[in-house]
């Protein structure tokens, strides 16, 4: 089994992203809350589950590859929200930076898992 889930740095970072997302999504128009907002929330929860599964799995690679894809999907959804002027540029930048940092962490974890 992997590191204790409570001590996993990437999990803490992901929880930070989830918290930030909920703050941002509270302020989006009602018309987008159940469409784009719901897609963003779903991607966040899927990513959280994948981190926990990857940590617990013997073969981490499939979970990490799926997690990497989920980060890319989330980045695309956030970019669409920004382009549609649903979220302001500052929130878009913060959100993107957090996700890019997590993407780097996934890359490092993948390298370690391939050893």
N, C-alpha and C. Protein backbone atom coordinates (compact mmCIF):
# COMPACT_ATOMS: atom_id res chain seq x y z
N UNK A 1 0.84 -1.19 0.00
CA UNK A 1 0.00 0.00 0.00
C UNK A 1 0.88 1.24 0.00
N UNK A 2 0.33 2.34 -0.43
CA UNK A 2 1.08 3.59 -0.54
C UNK A 2 1.17 4.31 0.79
N UNK A 3 1.53 5.56 0.68
CA UNK A 3 1.64 6.45 1.83
C UNK A 3 0.26 6.67 2.42
N UNK A 4 0.20 6.94 3.71
CA UNK A 4 -1.07 7.27 4.35
C UNK A 4 -1.72 8.41 3.57
N UNK A 5 -2.98 8.24 3.24
CA UNK A 5 -3.69 9.23 2.41
C UNK A 5 -3.63 10.62 3.02
N UNK A 6 -3.64 10.71 4.34
CA UNK A 6 -3.61 12.02 4.99
C UNK A 6 -2.26 12.72 4.83
N UNK A 7 -1.20 11.95 4.52
CA UNK A 7 0.14 12.54 4.38
C UNK A 7 0.52 12.75 2.91
N UNK A 8 -0.33 12.36 2.00
CA UNK A 8 -0.03 12.44 0.58
C UNK A 8 -0.13 13.89 0.10
N UNK A 9 0.98 14.44 -0.34
CA UNK A 9 1.06 15.86 -0.71
C UNK A 9 0.12 16.19 -1.88
N UNK A 10 0.07 15.32 -2.87
CA UNK A 10 -0.79 15.59 -4.03
C UNK A 10 -2.27 15.60 -3.62
N UNK A 11 -2.62 14.79 -2.64
CA UNK A 11 -4.00 14.78 -2.16
C UNK A 11 -4.33 16.10 -1.48
N UNK A 12 -3.40 16.61 -0.70
CA UNK A 12 -3.60 17.91 -0.05
C UNK A 12 -3.76 19.01 -1.09
N UNK A 13 -2.94 18.97 -2.13
CA UNK A 13 -3.03 19.96 -3.21
C UNK A 13 -4.37 19.85 -3.93
N UNK A 14 -4.81 18.61 -4.17
CA UNK A 14 -6.09 18.41 -4.85
C UNK A 14 -7.25 18.92 -4.00
N UNK A 15 -7.17 18.68 -2.70
CA UNK A 15 -8.21 19.20 -1.81
C UNK A 15 -8.23 20.72 -1.82
N UNK A 16 -7.06 21.34 -1.94
CA UNK A 16 -6.99 22.81 -2.07
C UNK A 16 -7.70 23.25 -3.35
N UNK A 17 -7.46 22.53 -4.44
CA UNK A 17 -8.12 22.85 -5.71
C UNK A 17 -9.63 22.69 -5.57
N UNK A 18 -10.06 21.62 -4.92
CA UNK A 18 -11.50 21.39 -4.73
C UNK A 18 -12.13 22.53 -3.94
N UNK A 19 -11.47 22.93 -2.87
CA UNK A 19 -11.99 24.05 -2.07
C UNK A 19 -12.05 25.33 -2.88
N UNK A 20 -11.00 25.60 -3.64
CA UNK A 20 -10.97 26.80 -4.47
C UNK A 20 -12.07 26.74 -5.54
N UNK A 21 -12.24 25.58 -6.13
CA UNK A 21 -13.27 25.42 -7.17
C UNK A 21 -14.65 25.74 -6.61
N UNK A 22 -14.92 25.27 -5.43
CA UNK A 22 -16.25 25.52 -4.85
C UNK A 22 -16.46 27.00 -4.55
N UNK A 23 -15.39 27.69 -4.17
CA UNK A 23 -15.50 29.14 -3.96
C UNK A 23 -15.80 29.83 -5.29
N UNK A 24 -15.06 29.46 -6.33
CA UNK A 24 -15.25 30.05 -7.66
C UNK A 24 -16.63 29.72 -8.21
N UNK A 25 -17.03 28.47 -8.08
CA UNK A 25 -18.30 28.03 -8.68
C UNK A 25 -19.52 28.63 -7.99
N UNK A 26 -19.36 29.07 -6.76
CA UNK A 26 -20.46 29.73 -6.06
C UNK A 26 -20.90 31.01 -6.76
N UNK A 27 -19.97 31.61 -7.48
CA UNK A 27 -20.21 32.92 -8.09
C UNK A 27 -20.50 32.87 -9.58
N UNK A 28 -20.64 31.67 -10.15
CA UNK A 28 -20.95 31.62 -11.57
C UNK A 28 -22.45 31.79 -11.77
N UNK A 29 -22.86 32.22 -12.95
CA UNK A 29 -24.29 32.42 -13.20
C UNK A 29 -25.08 31.12 -13.02
N UNK A 30 -26.29 31.28 -12.57
CA UNK A 30 -27.15 30.12 -12.32
C UNK A 30 -27.31 29.26 -13.58
N UNK A 31 -27.34 29.92 -14.73
CA UNK A 31 -27.52 29.19 -15.99
C UNK A 31 -26.36 28.22 -16.26
N UNK A 32 -25.20 28.47 -15.68
CA UNK A 32 -24.03 27.61 -15.89
C UNK A 32 -23.77 26.65 -14.73
N UNK A 33 -24.44 26.85 -13.63
CA UNK A 33 -24.18 26.05 -12.44
C UNK A 33 -24.43 24.56 -12.65
N UNK A 34 -25.42 24.24 -13.45
CA UNK A 34 -25.81 22.83 -13.62
C UNK A 34 -25.29 22.24 -14.92
N UNK A 35 -24.50 23.01 -15.65
CA UNK A 35 -23.90 22.50 -16.88
C UNK A 35 -22.38 22.50 -16.70
N UNK A 36 -21.74 23.59 -17.06
CA UNK A 36 -20.28 23.67 -16.95
C UNK A 36 -19.82 23.53 -15.50
N UNK A 37 -20.53 24.15 -14.59
CA UNK A 37 -20.18 24.04 -13.17
C UNK A 37 -20.25 22.60 -12.69
N UNK A 38 -21.27 21.88 -13.12
CA UNK A 38 -21.42 20.47 -12.73
C UNK A 38 -20.30 19.62 -13.32
N UNK A 39 -19.90 19.92 -14.55
CA UNK A 39 -18.80 19.18 -15.18
C UNK A 39 -17.49 19.38 -14.42
N UNK A 40 -17.25 20.61 -14.00
CA UNK A 40 -16.04 20.92 -13.24
C UNK A 40 -16.05 20.18 -11.90
N UNK A 41 -17.19 20.23 -11.21
CA UNK A 41 -17.29 19.52 -9.92
C UNK A 41 -17.08 18.02 -10.11
N UNK A 42 -17.67 17.46 -11.15
CA UNK A 42 -17.54 16.02 -11.40
C UNK A 42 -16.07 15.65 -11.66
N UNK A 43 -15.37 16.47 -12.44
CA UNK A 43 -13.95 16.20 -12.72
C UNK A 43 -13.12 16.28 -11.45
N UNK A 44 -13.47 17.20 -10.58
CA UNK A 44 -12.73 17.34 -9.32
C UNK A 44 -12.91 16.10 -8.45
N UNK A 45 -14.14 15.63 -8.32
CA UNK A 45 -14.37 14.44 -7.48
C UNK A 45 -13.75 13.20 -8.10
N UNK A 46 -13.79 13.10 -9.43
CA UNK A 46 -13.16 11.96 -10.09
C UNK A 46 -11.66 11.96 -9.83
N UNK A 47 -11.04 13.13 -9.92
CA UNK A 47 -9.60 13.23 -9.65
C UNK A 47 -9.26 12.83 -8.23
N UNK A 48 -10.06 13.25 -7.29
CA UNK A 48 -9.84 12.89 -5.89
C UNK A 48 -9.87 11.38 -5.71
N UNK A 49 -10.86 10.74 -6.31
CA UNK A 49 -10.97 9.28 -6.23
C UNK A 49 -9.76 8.60 -6.87
N UNK A 50 -9.31 9.12 -8.00
CA UNK A 50 -8.17 8.52 -8.69
C UNK A 50 -6.88 8.63 -7.87
N UNK A 51 -6.70 9.73 -7.18
CA UNK A 51 -5.51 9.89 -6.33
C UNK A 51 -5.53 8.84 -5.22
N UNK A 52 -6.67 8.67 -4.60
CA UNK A 52 -6.79 7.69 -3.51
C UNK A 52 -6.58 6.27 -4.04
N UNK A 53 -7.16 5.96 -5.21
CA UNK A 53 -7.00 4.63 -5.81
C UNK A 53 -5.55 4.39 -6.21
N UNK A 54 -4.91 5.39 -6.81
CA UNK A 54 -3.51 5.23 -7.23
C UNK A 54 -2.62 4.97 -6.02
N UNK A 55 -2.87 5.68 -4.95
CA UNK A 55 -2.07 5.51 -3.74
C UNK A 55 -2.21 4.11 -3.17
N UNK A 56 -3.40 3.54 -3.26
CA UNK A 56 -3.66 2.23 -2.67
C UNK A 56 -3.26 1.07 -3.59
N UNK A 57 -3.15 1.33 -4.89
CA UNK A 57 -2.93 0.26 -5.87
C UNK A 57 -1.47 -0.16 -5.94
N UNK A 58 -1.28 -1.43 -6.26
CA UNK A 58 0.06 -1.93 -6.53
C UNK A 58 0.55 -1.40 -7.87
N UNK A 59 -0.32 -1.49 -8.87
CA UNK A 59 -0.01 -0.96 -10.20
C UNK A 59 -0.65 0.42 -10.32
N UNK A 60 0.12 1.44 -10.06
CA UNK A 60 -0.39 2.81 -10.00
C UNK A 60 -0.57 3.45 -11.37
N UNK A 61 0.17 2.96 -12.35
CA UNK A 61 0.24 3.62 -13.65
C UNK A 61 -1.13 3.88 -14.30
N UNK A 62 -2.05 2.91 -14.37
CA UNK A 62 -3.33 3.20 -15.03
C UNK A 62 -4.11 4.32 -14.34
N UNK A 63 -4.06 4.35 -13.03
CA UNK A 63 -4.77 5.40 -12.29
C UNK A 63 -4.11 6.77 -12.51
N UNK A 64 -2.78 6.76 -12.54
CA UNK A 64 -2.06 8.02 -12.73
C UNK A 64 -2.26 8.57 -14.14
N UNK A 65 -2.30 7.69 -15.13
CA UNK A 65 -2.56 8.15 -16.50
C UNK A 65 -3.97 8.73 -16.62
N UNK A 66 -4.93 8.07 -15.99
CA UNK A 66 -6.30 8.59 -16.02
C UNK A 66 -6.39 9.91 -15.25
N UNK A 67 -5.67 10.01 -14.14
CA UNK A 67 -5.64 11.24 -13.36
C UNK A 67 -5.03 12.38 -14.19
N UNK A 68 -3.97 12.09 -14.91
CA UNK A 68 -3.35 13.09 -15.77
C UNK A 68 -4.34 13.59 -16.82
N UNK A 69 -5.10 12.67 -17.40
CA UNK A 69 -6.13 13.05 -18.37
C UNK A 69 -7.20 13.91 -17.72
N UNK A 70 -7.57 13.57 -16.51
CA UNK A 70 -8.60 14.33 -15.80
C UNK A 70 -8.14 15.76 -15.50
N UNK A 71 -6.86 15.92 -15.20
CA UNK A 71 -6.31 17.27 -14.98
C UNK A 71 -6.40 18.06 -16.28
N UNK A 72 -6.10 17.42 -17.41
CA UNK A 72 -6.18 18.11 -18.70
C UNK A 72 -7.62 18.50 -19.03
N UNK A 73 -8.56 17.62 -18.72
CA UNK A 73 -9.98 17.93 -18.93
C UNK A 73 -10.38 19.12 -18.06
N UNK A 74 -9.97 19.09 -16.82
CA UNK A 74 -10.30 20.17 -15.89
C UNK A 74 -9.70 21.50 -16.36
N UNK A 75 -8.47 21.46 -16.83
CA UNK A 75 -7.86 22.68 -17.38
C UNK A 75 -8.66 23.21 -18.57
N UNK A 76 -9.11 22.31 -19.43
CA UNK A 76 -9.91 22.72 -20.59
C UNK A 76 -11.24 23.32 -20.16
N UNK A 77 -11.89 22.72 -19.17
CA UNK A 77 -13.17 23.24 -18.67
C UNK A 77 -13.01 24.63 -18.06
N UNK A 78 -11.93 24.81 -17.32
CA UNK A 78 -11.67 26.11 -16.70
C UNK A 78 -11.38 27.16 -17.78
N UNK A 79 -10.64 26.75 -18.80
CA UNK A 79 -10.34 27.67 -19.90
C UNK A 79 -11.63 28.09 -20.62
N UNK A 80 -12.52 27.14 -20.85
CA UNK A 80 -13.81 27.46 -21.48
C UNK A 80 -14.59 28.43 -20.60
N UNK A 81 -14.60 28.18 -19.30
CA UNK A 81 -15.32 29.07 -18.38
C UNK A 81 -14.75 30.48 -18.44
N UNK A 82 -13.44 30.58 -18.55
CA UNK A 82 -12.81 31.90 -18.66
C UNK A 82 -13.17 32.56 -20.00
N UNK A 83 -13.05 31.80 -21.09
CA UNK A 83 -13.32 32.36 -22.42
C UNK A 83 -14.77 32.81 -22.57
N UNK A 84 -15.68 32.13 -21.87
CA UNK A 84 -17.09 32.52 -21.90
C UNK A 84 -17.40 33.62 -20.89
N UNK A 85 -16.35 34.10 -20.23
CA UNK A 85 -16.47 35.18 -19.22
C UNK A 85 -17.33 34.76 -18.02
N UNK A 86 -17.30 33.46 -17.72
CA UNK A 86 -18.02 32.93 -16.56
C UNK A 86 -17.18 33.12 -15.30
N UNK A 87 -15.85 33.01 -15.47
CA UNK A 87 -14.95 33.28 -14.34
C UNK A 87 -13.95 34.36 -14.78
N UNK A 88 -13.54 35.22 -13.86
CA UNK A 88 -12.58 36.28 -14.21
C UNK A 88 -11.16 35.74 -14.41
N UNK A 89 -10.34 36.52 -15.07
CA UNK A 89 -8.98 36.09 -15.41
C UNK A 89 -8.17 35.71 -14.17
N UNK A 90 -8.28 36.46 -13.09
CA UNK A 90 -7.48 36.18 -11.89
C UNK A 90 -7.81 34.79 -11.33
N UNK A 91 -9.08 34.46 -11.27
CA UNK A 91 -9.47 33.14 -10.76
C UNK A 91 -9.04 32.04 -11.73
N UNK A 92 -9.12 32.34 -13.02
CA UNK A 92 -8.66 31.39 -14.03
C UNK A 92 -7.17 31.12 -13.86
N UNK A 93 -6.39 32.17 -13.67
CA UNK A 93 -4.94 32.01 -13.51
C UNK A 93 -4.59 31.20 -12.27
N UNK A 94 -5.23 31.51 -11.16
CA UNK A 94 -4.96 30.78 -9.91
C UNK A 94 -5.33 29.30 -10.07
N UNK A 95 -6.52 29.06 -10.62
CA UNK A 95 -7.00 27.69 -10.84
C UNK A 95 -6.02 26.93 -11.73
N UNK A 96 -5.62 27.55 -12.84
CA UNK A 96 -4.70 26.90 -13.78
C UNK A 96 -3.36 26.59 -13.13
N UNK A 97 -2.82 27.54 -12.39
CA UNK A 97 -1.52 27.33 -11.73
C UNK A 97 -1.58 26.14 -10.77
N UNK A 98 -2.65 26.05 -10.03
CA UNK A 98 -2.81 24.93 -9.08
C UNK A 98 -2.84 23.60 -9.83
N UNK A 99 -3.59 23.56 -10.94
CA UNK A 99 -3.70 22.33 -11.72
C UNK A 99 -2.40 21.97 -12.42
N UNK A 100 -1.68 22.96 -12.90
CA UNK A 100 -0.39 22.70 -13.55
C UNK A 100 0.60 22.13 -12.54
N UNK A 101 0.59 22.65 -11.33
CA UNK A 101 1.46 22.11 -10.28
C UNK A 101 1.11 20.65 -9.99
N UNK A 102 -0.16 20.35 -9.93
CA UNK A 102 -0.59 18.96 -9.71
C UNK A 102 -0.16 18.09 -10.88
N UNK A 103 -0.26 18.62 -12.09
CA UNK A 103 0.19 17.87 -13.27
C UNK A 103 1.66 17.49 -13.17
N UNK A 104 2.48 18.42 -12.69
CA UNK A 104 3.91 18.13 -12.49
C UNK A 104 4.10 17.03 -11.44
N UNK A 105 3.31 17.10 -10.39
CA UNK A 105 3.41 16.08 -9.33
C UNK A 105 3.03 14.71 -9.88
N UNK A 106 2.02 14.67 -10.73
CA UNK A 106 1.60 13.40 -11.34
C UNK A 106 2.75 12.85 -12.20
N UNK A 107 3.39 13.74 -12.96
CA UNK A 107 4.53 13.32 -13.78
C UNK A 107 5.63 12.70 -12.94
N UNK A 108 5.94 13.31 -11.81
CA UNK A 108 6.94 12.76 -10.91
C UNK A 108 6.53 11.43 -10.34
N UNK A 109 5.26 11.31 -9.98
CA UNK A 109 4.74 10.07 -9.42
C UNK A 109 4.79 8.96 -10.47
N UNK A 110 4.49 9.32 -11.73
CA UNK A 110 4.56 8.34 -12.82
C UNK A 110 5.99 7.84 -13.01
N UNK A 111 6.95 8.74 -12.97
CA UNK A 111 8.36 8.33 -13.11
C UNK A 111 8.74 7.37 -11.99
N UNK A 112 8.32 7.70 -10.78
CA UNK A 112 8.61 6.84 -9.62
C UNK A 112 7.91 5.48 -9.78
N UNK A 113 6.67 5.49 -10.26
CA UNK A 113 5.90 4.25 -10.42
C UNK A 113 6.49 3.36 -11.51
N UNK A 114 7.18 3.94 -12.47
CA UNK A 114 7.76 3.17 -13.58
C UNK A 114 9.09 2.51 -13.22
N UNK A 115 9.64 2.84 -12.06
CA UNK A 115 10.92 2.24 -11.64
C UNK A 115 10.79 0.78 -11.37
